[in-house]
Amino acid sequence: MTHAAGYVRYDDGQWVADVTAAVYGGDVDTRRTVSVGAFAGLALANTHAEGQALSASVARRFQLEGDGVVALGLMGTASTASVDGFTEVGAGALSLQASGLERDWQSLNLSARFTQPYKVGSRLVRVYAGMGGLLTTGDREATGDMRFTGAPTGSGAFLVEGAETPPLAGVADFGLEVDATSGVTLSAGYRGVFSDRLTDNQIGVKMNVRW
């Protein structure tokens, strides 16, 4: 999978705004455990996916006592994605056929984040924590239609339900940023999305280089 992105940003210390465009594409390996009654097997496949996204955001910073900062932000994103149909095989007598998927969806994220800087030796460390809400409209289907083939006799009737992005979800994040050297910032953090029948947890590490 390859990914490319570009952005423009405005920041006057109080207001910050940016626009970001991103594209991606490439092969994707799938790995799924299939269970029917007492039977369980591993199904594998390969497919091709590609897509693009355009987002714009604006935020207002509020300075607090003790150098703390609260930022209220709003970000809107329009995305498209295309995934080829594929068949997962290897689960004993079962195979799972997934249809191709074409999606166009939009999301709106309203957030609040608190950041507190600390001086640790000669380095500046910023600790942050935030929360917000995520509204999603458009094609919210996260997977295409699926059906089993080659089901063992006597397994009974069953239904394969696709996954759908919830229309409304809560978002929480926290982490820290460290100014390693002049123009280089290291960061590590957690981001979670929570809703009915959805829990998405991400932990990431990032390095920014400015010149």
N, C-alpha and C. Protein backbone atom coordinates (compact mmCIF):
# COMPACT_ATOMS: atom_id res chain seq x y z
N MET A 1 0.84 -1.18 0.00
CA MET A 1 0.00 0.00 0.00
C MET A 1 0.89 1.25 0.00
N THR A 2 0.65 2.16 -0.93
CA THR A 2 1.38 3.42 -0.98
C THR A 2 0.44 4.57 -0.62
N HIS A 3 1.02 5.63 -0.08
CA HIS A 3 0.23 6.75 0.42
C HIS A 3 0.97 8.04 0.14
N ALA A 4 0.24 9.07 -0.29
CA ALA A 4 0.83 10.39 -0.52
C ALA A 4 -0.16 11.45 -0.06
N ALA A 5 0.38 12.54 0.48
CA ALA A 5 -0.49 13.61 1.00
C ALA A 5 0.22 14.95 0.91
N GLY A 6 -0.56 16.01 0.88
CA GLY A 6 -0.03 17.37 0.89
C GLY A 6 -0.98 18.27 1.64
N TYR A 7 -0.46 19.35 2.23
CA TYR A 7 -1.34 20.23 2.99
C TYR A 7 -0.80 21.65 3.00
N VAL A 8 -1.70 22.59 3.27
CA VAL A 8 -1.35 23.99 3.51
C VAL A 8 -1.91 24.36 4.88
N ARG A 9 -1.20 25.25 5.59
CA ARG A 9 -1.56 25.54 6.97
C ARG A 9 -1.37 27.02 7.28
N TYR A 10 -2.28 27.56 8.07
CA TYR A 10 -2.18 28.93 8.57
C TYR A 10 -2.23 28.88 10.09
N ASP A 11 -1.33 29.63 10.75
CA ASP A 11 -1.26 29.63 12.21
C ASP A 11 -0.74 30.98 12.68
N ASP A 12 -1.59 31.74 13.41
CA ASP A 12 -1.15 33.02 13.94
C ASP A 12 -0.99 32.99 15.46
N GLY A 13 -0.96 31.77 16.03
CA GLY A 13 -0.81 31.63 17.46
C GLY A 13 -2.14 31.49 18.19
N GLN A 14 -3.19 32.08 17.65
CA GLN A 14 -4.52 31.98 18.25
C GLN A 14 -5.46 31.16 17.38
N TRP A 15 -5.47 31.46 16.10
CA TRP A 15 -6.26 30.70 15.14
C TRP A 15 -5.35 29.83 14.29
N VAL A 16 -5.81 28.63 13.99
CA VAL A 16 -5.05 27.74 13.11
C VAL A 16 -6.03 27.07 12.14
N ALA A 17 -5.65 26.98 10.88
CA ALA A 17 -6.49 26.35 9.86
C ALA A 17 -5.60 25.61 8.88
N ASP A 18 -6.11 24.53 8.32
CA ASP A 18 -5.34 23.80 7.31
C ASP A 18 -6.26 23.05 6.37
N VAL A 19 -5.73 22.73 5.20
CA VAL A 19 -6.40 21.91 4.19
C VAL A 19 -5.45 20.80 3.79
N THR A 20 -5.93 19.56 3.79
CA THR A 20 -5.10 18.40 3.49
C THR A 20 -5.75 17.54 2.41
N ALA A 21 -4.94 17.09 1.45
CA ALA A 21 -5.40 16.15 0.42
C ALA A 21 -4.53 14.90 0.49
N ALA A 22 -5.15 13.73 0.38
CA ALA A 22 -4.41 12.48 0.48
C ALA A 22 -4.95 11.46 -0.52
N VAL A 23 -4.05 10.63 -1.05
CA VAL A 23 -4.43 9.52 -1.93
C VAL A 23 -3.67 8.28 -1.48
N TYR A 24 -4.26 7.11 -1.71
CA TYR A 24 -3.59 5.85 -1.37
C TYR A 24 -4.05 4.77 -2.34
N GLY A 25 -3.27 3.71 -2.41
CA GLY A 25 -3.64 2.59 -3.26
C GLY A 25 -2.65 1.46 -3.13
N GLY A 26 -3.10 0.25 -3.42
CA GLY A 26 -2.21 -0.90 -3.36
C GLY A 26 -2.95 -2.17 -2.98
N ASP A 27 -2.20 -3.26 -2.86
CA ASP A 27 -2.76 -4.56 -2.48
C ASP A 27 -2.92 -4.66 -0.98
N VAL A 28 -3.95 -5.37 -0.56
CA VAL A 28 -4.26 -5.56 0.86
C VAL A 28 -4.47 -7.04 1.12
N ASP A 29 -3.80 -7.58 2.13
CA ASP A 29 -4.02 -8.96 2.56
C ASP A 29 -5.11 -9.00 3.63
N THR A 30 -6.02 -9.96 3.52
CA THR A 30 -7.07 -10.14 4.53
C THR A 30 -6.82 -11.44 5.29
N ARG A 31 -7.21 -11.44 6.54
CA ARG A 31 -7.01 -12.61 7.41
C ARG A 31 -8.20 -12.66 8.37
N ARG A 32 -8.98 -13.72 8.30
CA ARG A 32 -10.21 -13.78 9.08
C ARG A 32 -10.41 -15.19 9.65
N THR A 33 -10.87 -15.28 10.88
CA THR A 33 -11.24 -16.56 11.48
C THR A 33 -12.72 -16.81 11.24
N VAL A 34 -13.05 -17.94 10.62
CA VAL A 34 -14.43 -18.30 10.31
C VAL A 34 -14.87 -19.39 11.27
N SER A 35 -15.99 -19.17 11.96
CA SER A 35 -16.53 -20.14 12.91
C SER A 35 -17.98 -20.45 12.55
N VAL A 36 -18.30 -21.72 12.40
CA VAL A 36 -19.67 -22.19 12.18
C VAL A 36 -19.89 -23.38 13.11
N GLY A 37 -20.68 -23.19 14.15
CA GLY A 37 -20.85 -24.24 15.14
C GLY A 37 -19.53 -24.54 15.82
N ALA A 38 -19.16 -25.83 15.83
CA ALA A 38 -17.90 -26.23 16.46
C ALA A 38 -16.71 -26.07 15.53
N PHE A 39 -16.98 -25.74 14.26
CA PHE A 39 -15.89 -25.61 13.28
C PHE A 39 -15.29 -24.21 13.33
N ALA A 40 -13.97 -24.12 13.25
CA ALA A 40 -13.28 -22.83 13.16
C ALA A 40 -12.09 -23.00 12.23
N GLY A 41 -11.91 -22.05 11.31
CA GLY A 41 -10.81 -22.12 10.36
C GLY A 41 -10.33 -20.73 9.98
N LEU A 42 -9.13 -20.65 9.45
CA LEU A 42 -8.53 -19.39 9.05
C LEU A 42 -8.67 -19.21 7.55
N ALA A 43 -9.23 -18.06 7.12
CA ALA A 43 -9.43 -17.77 5.70
C ALA A 43 -8.55 -16.59 5.30
N LEU A 44 -7.86 -16.73 4.15
CA LEU A 44 -6.92 -15.71 3.69
C LEU A 44 -7.28 -15.29 2.27
N ALA A 45 -6.95 -14.03 1.94
CA ALA A 45 -7.20 -13.53 0.58
C ALA A 45 -6.33 -12.30 0.34
N ASN A 46 -6.36 -11.84 -0.91
CA ASN A 46 -5.65 -10.62 -1.30
C ASN A 46 -6.57 -9.82 -2.21
N THR A 47 -6.60 -8.51 -2.01
CA THR A 47 -7.43 -7.65 -2.84
C THR A 47 -6.71 -6.33 -3.09
N HIS A 48 -7.32 -5.49 -3.89
CA HIS A 48 -6.74 -4.19 -4.22
C HIS A 48 -7.68 -3.10 -3.74
N ALA A 49 -7.11 -2.07 -3.11
CA ALA A 49 -7.91 -0.95 -2.60
C ALA A 49 -7.24 0.36 -2.98
N GLU A 50 -8.06 1.38 -3.21
CA GLU A 50 -7.54 2.72 -3.48
C GLU A 50 -8.59 3.75 -3.06
N GLY A 51 -8.12 4.96 -2.80
CA GLY A 51 -9.05 6.00 -2.38
C GLY A 51 -8.36 7.33 -2.23
N GLN A 52 -9.14 8.34 -1.87
CA GLN A 52 -8.61 9.68 -1.65
C GLN A 52 -9.50 10.40 -0.64
N ALA A 53 -8.93 11.44 -0.05
CA ALA A 53 -9.65 12.21 0.96
C ALA A 53 -9.21 13.67 0.90
N LEU A 54 -10.15 14.56 1.17
CA LEU A 54 -9.88 15.99 1.25
C LEU A 54 -10.49 16.50 2.54
N SER A 55 -9.68 17.15 3.38
CA SER A 55 -10.17 17.62 4.67
C SER A 55 -9.75 19.06 4.90
N ALA A 56 -10.57 19.77 5.68
CA ALA A 56 -10.29 21.15 6.07
C ALA A 56 -10.63 21.30 7.54
N SER A 57 -9.82 22.03 8.28
CA SER A 57 -10.05 22.20 9.71
C SER A 57 -9.75 23.62 10.14
N VAL A 58 -10.37 24.02 11.25
CA VAL A 58 -10.12 25.31 11.86
C VAL A 58 -10.21 25.12 13.37
N ALA A 59 -9.36 25.82 14.12
CA ALA A 59 -9.35 25.70 15.58
C ALA A 59 -9.01 27.04 16.20
N ARG A 60 -9.52 27.25 17.40
CA ARG A 60 -9.26 28.47 18.18
C ARG A 60 -8.60 28.06 19.49
N ARG A 61 -7.44 28.66 19.78
CA ARG A 61 -6.70 28.37 21.01
C ARG A 61 -7.05 29.39 22.10
N PHE A 62 -7.14 28.90 23.33
CA PHE A 62 -7.38 29.75 24.49
C PHE A 62 -6.25 29.52 25.50
N GLN A 63 -5.52 30.57 25.83
CA GLN A 63 -4.40 30.47 26.75
C GLN A 63 -4.89 30.46 28.19
N LEU A 64 -4.39 29.51 29.00
CA LEU A 64 -4.75 29.40 30.40
C LEU A 64 -3.56 29.77 31.27
N GLU A 65 -3.82 29.92 32.56
CA GLU A 65 -2.72 30.17 33.50
C GLU A 65 -1.82 28.94 33.57
N GLY A 66 -0.54 29.16 33.81
CA GLY A 66 0.41 28.06 33.87
C GLY A 66 0.81 27.53 32.52
N ASP A 67 0.63 28.33 31.47
CA ASP A 67 1.02 27.99 30.10
C ASP A 67 0.16 26.91 29.45
N GLY A 68 -0.91 26.48 30.11
CA GLY A 68 -1.81 25.51 29.50
C GLY A 68 -2.62 26.14 28.37
N VAL A 69 -3.02 25.32 27.41
CA VAL A 69 -3.78 25.79 26.25
C VAL A 69 -4.95 24.84 26.00
N VAL A 70 -6.13 25.43 25.77
CA VAL A 70 -7.30 24.67 25.34
C VAL A 70 -7.61 25.07 23.90
N ALA A 71 -7.76 24.09 23.02
CA ALA A 71 -8.07 24.34 21.61
C ALA A 71 -9.41 23.70 21.27
N LEU A 72 -10.32 24.52 20.71
CA LEU A 72 -11.60 24.02 20.21
C LEU A 72 -11.52 23.97 18.70
N GLY A 73 -11.80 22.81 18.13
CA GLY A 73 -11.60 22.64 16.69
C GLY A 73 -12.77 21.98 15.98
N LEU A 74 -12.82 22.21 14.68
CA LEU A 74 -13.82 21.62 13.80
C LEU A 74 -13.12 21.16 12.53
N MET A 75 -13.33 19.91 12.14
CA MET A 75 -12.70 19.37 10.93
C MET A 75 -13.73 18.62 10.10
N GLY A 76 -13.79 18.94 8.81
CA GLY A 76 -14.66 18.23 7.88
C GLY A 76 -13.83 17.48 6.85
N THR A 77 -14.25 16.27 6.51
CA THR A 77 -13.51 15.42 5.57
C THR A 77 -14.47 14.77 4.58
N ALA A 78 -14.10 14.78 3.31
CA ALA A 78 -14.83 14.05 2.27
C ALA A 78 -13.91 12.97 1.72
N SER A 79 -14.38 11.73 1.70
CA SER A 79 -13.53 10.59 1.33
C SER A 79 -14.22 9.70 0.31
N THR A 80 -13.41 9.03 -0.49
CA THR A 80 -13.89 7.99 -1.41
C THR A 80 -12.96 6.78 -1.29
N ALA A 81 -13.51 5.59 -1.52
CA ALA A 81 -12.70 4.37 -1.46
C ALA A 81 -13.28 3.34 -2.41
N SER A 82 -12.40 2.53 -2.97
CA SER A 82 -12.80 1.45 -3.87
C SER A 82 -12.01 0.19 -3.51
N VAL A 83 -12.73 -0.91 -3.28
CA VAL A 83 -12.10 -2.18 -2.93
C VAL A 83 -12.61 -3.25 -3.89
N ASP A 84 -11.69 -3.98 -4.53
CA ASP A 84 -12.08 -5.05 -5.45
C ASP A 84 -12.71 -6.21 -4.69
N GLY A 85 -13.60 -6.94 -5.36
CA GLY A 85 -14.15 -8.15 -4.77
C GLY A 85 -13.08 -9.23 -4.63
N PHE A 86 -13.26 -10.13 -3.67
CA PHE A 86 -12.25 -11.17 -3.42
C PHE A 86 -12.92 -12.37 -2.76
N THR A 87 -12.20 -13.50 -2.75
CA THR A 87 -12.67 -14.71 -2.10
C THR A 87 -11.62 -15.18 -1.11
N GLU A 88 -12.01 -15.31 0.14
CA GLU A 88 -11.11 -15.82 1.17
C GLU A 88 -11.21 -17.34 1.19
N VAL A 89 -10.07 -18.01 1.15
CA VAL A 89 -10.04 -19.47 1.13
C VAL A 89 -9.10 -19.96 2.22
N GLY A 90 -9.23 -21.26 2.52
CA GLY A 90 -8.34 -21.88 3.50
C GLY A 90 -9.02 -22.28 4.78
N ALA A 91 -10.33 -21.97 4.94
CA ALA A 91 -11.05 -22.30 6.16
C ALA A 91 -11.72 -23.67 6.03
N GLY A 92 -10.92 -24.71 5.82
CA GLY A 92 -11.48 -26.04 5.66
C GLY A 92 -12.33 -26.11 4.42
N ALA A 93 -13.61 -26.50 4.57
CA ALA A 93 -14.53 -26.62 3.44
C ALA A 93 -15.23 -25.31 3.13
N LEU A 94 -14.94 -24.26 3.89
CA LEU A 94 -15.63 -22.98 3.73
C LEU A 94 -14.79 -21.97 2.96
N SER A 95 -15.45 -21.17 2.15
CA SER A 95 -14.84 -20.00 1.54
C SER A 95 -15.79 -18.83 1.73
N LEU A 96 -15.24 -17.63 1.84
CA LEU A 96 -16.06 -16.44 2.04
C LEU A 96 -15.85 -15.51 0.85
N GLN A 97 -16.91 -15.27 0.09
CA GLN A 97 -16.85 -14.39 -1.06
C GLN A 97 -17.34 -13.00 -0.67
N ALA A 98 -16.52 -11.99 -0.95
CA ALA A 98 -16.86 -10.60 -0.64
C ALA A 98 -16.97 -9.82 -1.95
N SER A 99 -18.05 -9.07 -2.10
CA SER A 99 -18.25 -8.29 -3.32
C SER A 99 -17.39 -7.03 -3.29
N GLY A 100 -17.22 -6.41 -4.45
CA GLY A 100 -16.50 -5.15 -4.51
C GLY A 100 -17.26 -4.05 -3.78
N LEU A 101 -16.54 -3.01 -3.41
CA LEU A 101 -17.14 -1.94 -2.61
C LEU A 101 -16.71 -0.58 -3.15
N GLU A 102 -17.69 0.29 -3.35
CA GLU A 102 -17.45 1.68 -3.74
C GLU A 102 -18.10 2.57 -2.69
N ARG A 103 -17.31 3.45 -2.05
CA ARG A 103 -17.84 4.27 -0.97
C ARG A 103 -17.51 5.75 -1.19
N ASP A 104 -18.48 6.60 -0.87
CA ASP A 104 -18.28 8.04 -0.79
C ASP A 104 -18.93 8.49 0.51
N TRP A 105 -18.15 9.05 1.41
CA TRP A 105 -18.72 9.45 2.70
C TRP A 105 -18.07 10.75 3.19
N GLN A 106 -18.77 11.39 4.12
CA GLN A 106 -18.32 12.65 4.68
C GLN A 106 -18.36 12.55 6.21
N SER A 107 -17.42 13.22 6.86
CA SER A 107 -17.38 13.21 8.32
C SER A 107 -17.12 14.61 8.85
N LEU A 108 -17.64 14.87 10.05
CA LEU A 108 -17.47 16.14 10.74
C LEU A 108 -17.04 15.84 12.16
N ASN A 109 -15.89 16.39 12.56
CA ASN A 109 -15.32 16.11 13.88
C ASN A 109 -15.22 17.40 14.68
N LEU A 110 -15.92 17.46 15.81
CA LEU A 110 -15.86 18.59 16.74
C LEU A 110 -15.07 18.13 17.96
N SER A 111 -14.01 18.88 18.32
CA SER A 111 -13.12 18.41 19.37
C SER A 111 -12.67 19.53 20.30
N ALA A 112 -12.24 19.12 21.48
CA ALA A 112 -11.61 20.02 22.46
C ALA A 112 -10.37 19.32 22.99
N ARG A 113 -9.24 20.04 23.03
CA ARG A 113 -7.99 19.43 23.49
C ARG A 113 -7.27 20.37 24.44
N PHE A 114 -6.78 19.79 25.54
CA PHE A 114 -5.98 20.53 26.52
C PHE A 114 -4.52 20.11 26.38
N THR A 115 -3.63 21.09 26.32
CA THR A 115 -2.19 20.84 26.21
C THR A 115 -1.45 21.58 27.31
N GLN A 116 -0.56 20.87 28.01
CA GLN A 116 0.24 21.47 29.07
C GLN A 116 1.72 21.23 28.79
N PRO A 117 2.52 22.30 28.64
CA PRO A 117 3.96 22.12 28.40
C PRO A 117 4.73 22.00 29.71
N TYR A 118 5.80 21.22 29.66
CA TYR A 118 6.71 21.07 30.80
C TYR A 118 8.14 21.17 30.30
N LYS A 119 8.99 21.72 31.13
CA LYS A 119 10.42 21.79 30.82
C LYS A 119 11.11 20.64 31.53
N VAL A 120 11.69 19.72 30.76
CA VAL A 120 12.40 18.57 31.31
C VAL A 120 13.85 18.68 30.87
N GLY A 121 14.70 19.14 31.78
CA GLY A 121 16.08 19.42 31.41
C GLY A 121 16.12 20.56 30.42
N SER A 122 16.71 20.32 29.27
CA SER A 122 16.77 21.35 28.23
C SER A 122 15.69 21.16 27.17
N ARG A 123 14.81 20.17 27.35
CA ARG A 123 13.82 19.86 26.33
C ARG A 123 12.42 20.28 26.78
N LEU A 124 11.60 20.63 25.80
CA LEU A 124 10.21 20.99 26.05
C LEU A 124 9.32 19.78 25.75
N VAL A 125 8.52 19.38 26.75
CA VAL A 125 7.61 18.25 26.61
C VAL A 125 6.18 18.77 26.75
N ARG A 126 5.33 18.43 25.80
CA ARG A 126 3.92 18.84 25.84
C ARG A 126 3.04 17.61 26.01
N VAL A 127 2.24 17.61 27.07
CA VAL A 127 1.29 16.53 27.34
C VAL A 127 -0.10 17.01 26.94
N TYR A 128 -0.85 16.19 26.22
CA TYR A 128 -2.17 16.61 25.75
C TYR A 128 -3.21 15.52 25.99
N ALA A 129 -4.47 15.96 26.08
CA ALA A 129 -5.61 15.06 26.20
C ALA A 129 -6.81 15.76 25.59
N GLY A 130 -7.61 15.01 24.86
CA GLY A 130 -8.76 15.63 24.19
C GLY A 130 -9.92 14.67 24.04
N MET A 131 -11.07 15.22 23.69
CA MET A 131 -12.26 14.43 23.43
C MET A 131 -13.15 15.18 22.45
N GLY A 132 -14.07 14.46 21.83
CA GLY A 132 -14.95 15.11 20.86
C GLY A 132 -15.98 14.16 20.31
N GLY A 133 -16.66 14.60 19.27
CA GLY A 133 -17.68 13.79 18.61
C GLY A 133 -17.42 13.71 17.12
N LEU A 134 -17.80 12.59 16.51
CA LEU A 134 -17.58 12.35 15.09
C LEU A 134 -18.91 12.00 14.42
N LEU A 135 -19.33 12.82 13.47
CA LEU A 135 -20.56 12.60 12.71
C LEU A 135 -20.20 12.13 11.31
N THR A 136 -20.80 11.02 10.86
CA THR A 136 -20.50 10.46 9.54
C THR A 136 -21.79 10.31 8.73
N THR A 137 -21.74 10.76 7.47
CA THR A 137 -22.88 10.63 6.56
C THR A 137 -22.39 10.04 5.24
N GLY A 138 -23.34 9.69 4.36
CA GLY A 138 -22.97 9.12 3.07
C GLY A 138 -22.99 7.60 3.10
N ASP A 139 -22.09 6.98 2.34
CA ASP A 139 -22.01 5.52 2.29
C ASP A 139 -21.25 5.03 3.51
N ARG A 140 -21.96 4.57 4.51
CA ARG A 140 -21.32 4.18 5.76
C ARG A 140 -20.98 2.69 5.82
N GLU A 141 -21.26 1.94 4.75
CA GLU A 141 -20.94 0.52 4.75
C GLU A 141 -19.43 0.33 4.72
N ALA A 142 -18.90 -0.35 5.73
CA ALA A 142 -17.45 -0.55 5.80
C ALA A 142 -17.01 -1.81 5.07
N THR A 143 -17.93 -2.74 4.81
CA THR A 143 -17.62 -3.95 4.05
C THR A 143 -18.72 -4.20 3.04
N GLY A 144 -18.39 -4.89 1.95
CA GLY A 144 -19.38 -5.22 0.94
C GLY A 144 -20.20 -6.44 1.33
N ASP A 145 -21.15 -6.81 0.48
CA ASP A 145 -21.96 -8.01 0.73
C ASP A 145 -21.07 -9.25 0.70
N MET A 146 -21.38 -10.23 1.56
CA MET A 146 -20.58 -11.46 1.65
C MET A 146 -21.50 -12.67 1.64
N ARG A 147 -20.94 -13.81 1.22
CA ARG A 147 -21.68 -15.06 1.34
C ARG A 147 -20.68 -16.21 1.45
N PHE A 148 -21.08 -17.24 2.20
CA PHE A 148 -20.27 -18.44 2.33
C PHE A 148 -20.55 -19.38 1.17
N THR A 149 -19.52 -20.11 0.74
CA THR A 149 -19.69 -21.21 -0.21
C THR A 149 -19.01 -22.44 0.37
N GLY A 150 -19.55 -23.61 0.04
CA GLY A 150 -18.96 -24.85 0.52
C GLY A 150 -19.21 -25.13 1.97
N ALA A 151 -20.33 -24.65 2.53
CA ALA A 151 -20.63 -24.90 3.94
C ALA A 151 -20.87 -26.39 4.17
N PRO A 152 -20.33 -26.96 5.24
CA PRO A 152 -20.53 -28.38 5.51
C PRO A 152 -22.01 -28.69 5.72
N THR A 153 -22.43 -29.88 5.28
CA THR A 153 -23.82 -30.30 5.46
C THR A 153 -24.15 -30.37 6.95
N GLY A 154 -25.34 -29.83 7.29
CA GLY A 154 -25.77 -29.88 8.68
C GLY A 154 -25.35 -28.69 9.50
N SER A 155 -24.70 -27.71 8.89
CA SER A 155 -24.28 -26.53 9.66
C SER A 155 -25.45 -25.60 9.93
N GLY A 156 -26.59 -25.79 9.24
CA GLY A 156 -27.76 -24.96 9.49
C GLY A 156 -27.70 -23.66 8.71
N ALA A 157 -28.75 -22.87 8.86
CA ALA A 157 -28.83 -21.58 8.18
C ALA A 157 -28.07 -20.52 8.96
N PHE A 158 -27.48 -19.58 8.24
CA PHE A 158 -26.76 -18.50 8.90
C PHE A 158 -26.77 -17.27 8.01
N LEU A 159 -26.49 -16.13 8.59
CA LEU A 159 -26.51 -14.85 7.89
C LEU A 159 -25.18 -14.16 8.09
N VAL A 160 -24.60 -13.62 7.00
CA VAL A 160 -23.37 -12.85 7.08
C VAL A 160 -23.75 -11.37 7.05
N GLU A 161 -23.54 -10.67 8.15
CA GLU A 161 -23.88 -9.25 8.24
C GLU A 161 -22.64 -8.41 7.99
N GLY A 162 -22.77 -7.39 7.16
CA GLY A 162 -21.67 -6.47 6.92
C GLY A 162 -21.52 -5.49 8.07
N ALA A 163 -20.39 -4.80 8.09
CA ALA A 163 -20.13 -3.79 9.12
C ALA A 163 -20.46 -2.42 8.56
N GLU A 164 -20.95 -1.54 9.42
CA GLU A 164 -21.34 -0.21 9.01
C GLU A 164 -20.78 0.82 9.99
N THR A 165 -20.19 1.89 9.46
CA THR A 165 -19.69 2.96 10.31
C THR A 165 -20.86 3.64 11.01
N PRO A 166 -20.80 3.83 12.33
CA PRO A 166 -21.92 4.46 13.04
C PRO A 166 -22.07 5.92 12.63
N PRO A 167 -23.31 6.45 12.64
CA PRO A 167 -23.51 7.85 12.27
C PRO A 167 -22.92 8.82 13.28
N LEU A 168 -22.82 8.40 14.54
CA LEU A 168 -22.30 9.28 15.59
C LEU A 168 -21.41 8.47 16.51
N ALA A 169 -20.23 8.99 16.81
CA ALA A 169 -19.28 8.29 17.68
C ALA A 169 -18.54 9.29 18.55
N GLY A 170 -18.04 8.82 19.69
CA GLY A 170 -17.20 9.63 20.55
C GLY A 170 -15.74 9.38 20.25
N VAL A 171 -14.92 10.40 20.40
CA VAL A 171 -13.48 10.31 20.12
C VAL A 171 -12.70 10.80 21.33
N ALA A 172 -11.66 10.07 21.71
CA ALA A 172 -10.78 10.48 22.81
C ALA A 172 -9.34 10.24 22.41
N ASP A 173 -8.44 11.13 22.83
CA ASP A 173 -7.02 10.94 22.56
C ASP A 173 -6.18 11.56 23.67
N PHE A 174 -4.97 11.03 23.82
CA PHE A 174 -4.00 11.60 24.75
C PHE A 174 -2.61 11.17 24.31
N GLY A 175 -1.60 11.92 24.75
CA GLY A 175 -0.23 11.59 24.38
C GLY A 175 0.73 12.68 24.78
N LEU A 176 1.92 12.65 24.20
CA LEU A 176 2.94 13.66 24.50
C LEU A 176 3.78 13.94 23.27
N GLU A 177 4.34 15.15 23.24
CA GLU A 177 5.24 15.58 22.17
C GLU A 177 6.52 16.10 22.81
N VAL A 178 7.65 15.78 22.19
CA VAL A 178 8.96 16.19 22.72
C VAL A 178 9.73 16.88 21.61
N ASP A 179 10.25 18.07 21.88
CA ASP A 179 11.14 18.76 20.95
C ASP A 179 12.53 18.15 21.10
N ALA A 180 12.87 17.19 20.21
CA ALA A 180 14.13 16.46 20.34
C ALA A 180 15.32 17.36 20.04
N THR A 181 15.31 17.99 18.87
CA THR A 181 16.35 18.94 18.47
C THR A 181 15.66 20.06 17.71
N SER A 182 16.44 21.01 17.25
CA SER A 182 15.87 22.12 16.50
C SER A 182 15.20 21.62 15.22
N GLY A 183 13.88 21.83 15.11
CA GLY A 183 13.14 21.41 13.93
C GLY A 183 12.66 19.99 13.94
N VAL A 184 12.97 19.21 14.98
CA VAL A 184 12.56 17.81 15.06
C VAL A 184 11.69 17.59 16.30
N THR A 185 10.48 17.07 16.09
CA THR A 185 9.56 16.79 17.18
C THR A 185 9.16 15.32 17.14
N LEU A 186 9.26 14.65 18.29
CA LEU A 186 8.83 13.26 18.43
C LEU A 186 7.54 13.23 19.24
N SER A 187 6.61 12.38 18.85
CA SER A 187 5.35 12.29 19.57
C SER A 187 4.88 10.85 19.63
N ALA A 188 4.13 10.54 20.68
CA ALA A 188 3.51 9.22 20.86
C ALA A 188 2.15 9.44 21.50
N GLY A 189 1.15 8.70 21.03
CA GLY A 189 -0.18 8.93 21.58
C GLY A 189 -1.16 7.82 21.28
N TYR A 190 -2.33 7.96 21.87
CA TYR A 190 -3.44 7.02 21.73
C TYR A 190 -4.66 7.75 21.20
N ARG A 191 -5.41 7.10 20.32
CA ARG A 191 -6.68 7.65 19.82
C ARG A 191 -7.71 6.53 19.78
N GLY A 192 -8.87 6.79 20.36
CA GLY A 192 -9.94 5.80 20.38
C GLY A 192 -11.24 6.38 19.86
N VAL A 193 -12.00 5.55 19.15
CA VAL A 193 -13.34 5.91 18.67
C VAL A 193 -14.32 4.92 19.27
N PHE A 194 -15.40 5.44 19.88
CA PHE A 194 -16.32 4.59 20.63
C PHE A 194 -17.76 4.89 20.23
N SER A 195 -18.51 3.81 19.96
CA SER A 195 -19.92 3.94 19.64
C SER A 195 -20.58 2.59 19.87
N ASP A 196 -21.89 2.53 19.61
CA ASP A 196 -22.61 1.27 19.74
C ASP A 196 -22.05 0.26 18.74
N ARG A 197 -21.59 -0.88 19.23
CA ARG A 197 -21.03 -1.97 18.42
C ARG A 197 -19.74 -1.57 17.70
N LEU A 198 -19.06 -0.54 18.19
CA LEU A 198 -17.78 -0.15 17.58
C LEU A 198 -16.80 0.32 18.64
N THR A 199 -15.61 -0.25 18.62
CA THR A 199 -14.50 0.23 19.44
C THR A 199 -13.25 0.16 18.58
N ASP A 200 -12.62 1.31 18.35
CA ASP A 200 -11.41 1.37 17.52
C ASP A 200 -10.31 2.02 18.35
N ASN A 201 -9.23 1.27 18.60
CA ASN A 201 -8.11 1.76 19.40
C ASN A 201 -6.85 1.82 18.55
N GLN A 202 -6.17 2.97 18.59
CA GLN A 202 -4.95 3.16 17.82
C GLN A 202 -3.87 3.76 18.71
N ILE A 203 -2.66 3.23 18.60
CA ILE A 203 -1.48 3.76 19.28
C ILE A 203 -0.45 4.07 18.21
N GLY A 204 0.09 5.29 18.21
CA GLY A 204 1.02 5.68 17.15
C GLY A 204 2.22 6.45 17.66
N VAL A 205 3.28 6.41 16.87
CA VAL A 205 4.51 7.17 17.13
C VAL A 205 4.83 7.94 15.86
N LYS A 206 5.22 9.21 16.00
CA LYS A 206 5.43 10.06 14.83
C LYS A 206 6.65 10.95 15.03
N MET A 207 7.32 11.26 13.93
CA MET A 207 8.44 12.20 13.95
C MET A 207 8.18 13.28 12.91
N ASN A 208 8.19 14.53 13.32
CA ASN A 208 8.03 15.67 12.42
C ASN A 208 9.37 16.38 12.25
N VAL A 209 9.73 16.68 11.01
CA VAL A 209 10.97 17.41 10.71
C VAL A 209 10.60 18.69 9.98
N ARG A 210 11.01 19.83 10.51
CA ARG A 210 10.71 21.13 9.91
C ARG A 210 12.01 21.84 9.55
N TRP A 211 11.99 22.52 8.42
CA TRP A 211 13.16 23.31 8.03
C TRP A 211 12.72 24.52 7.23
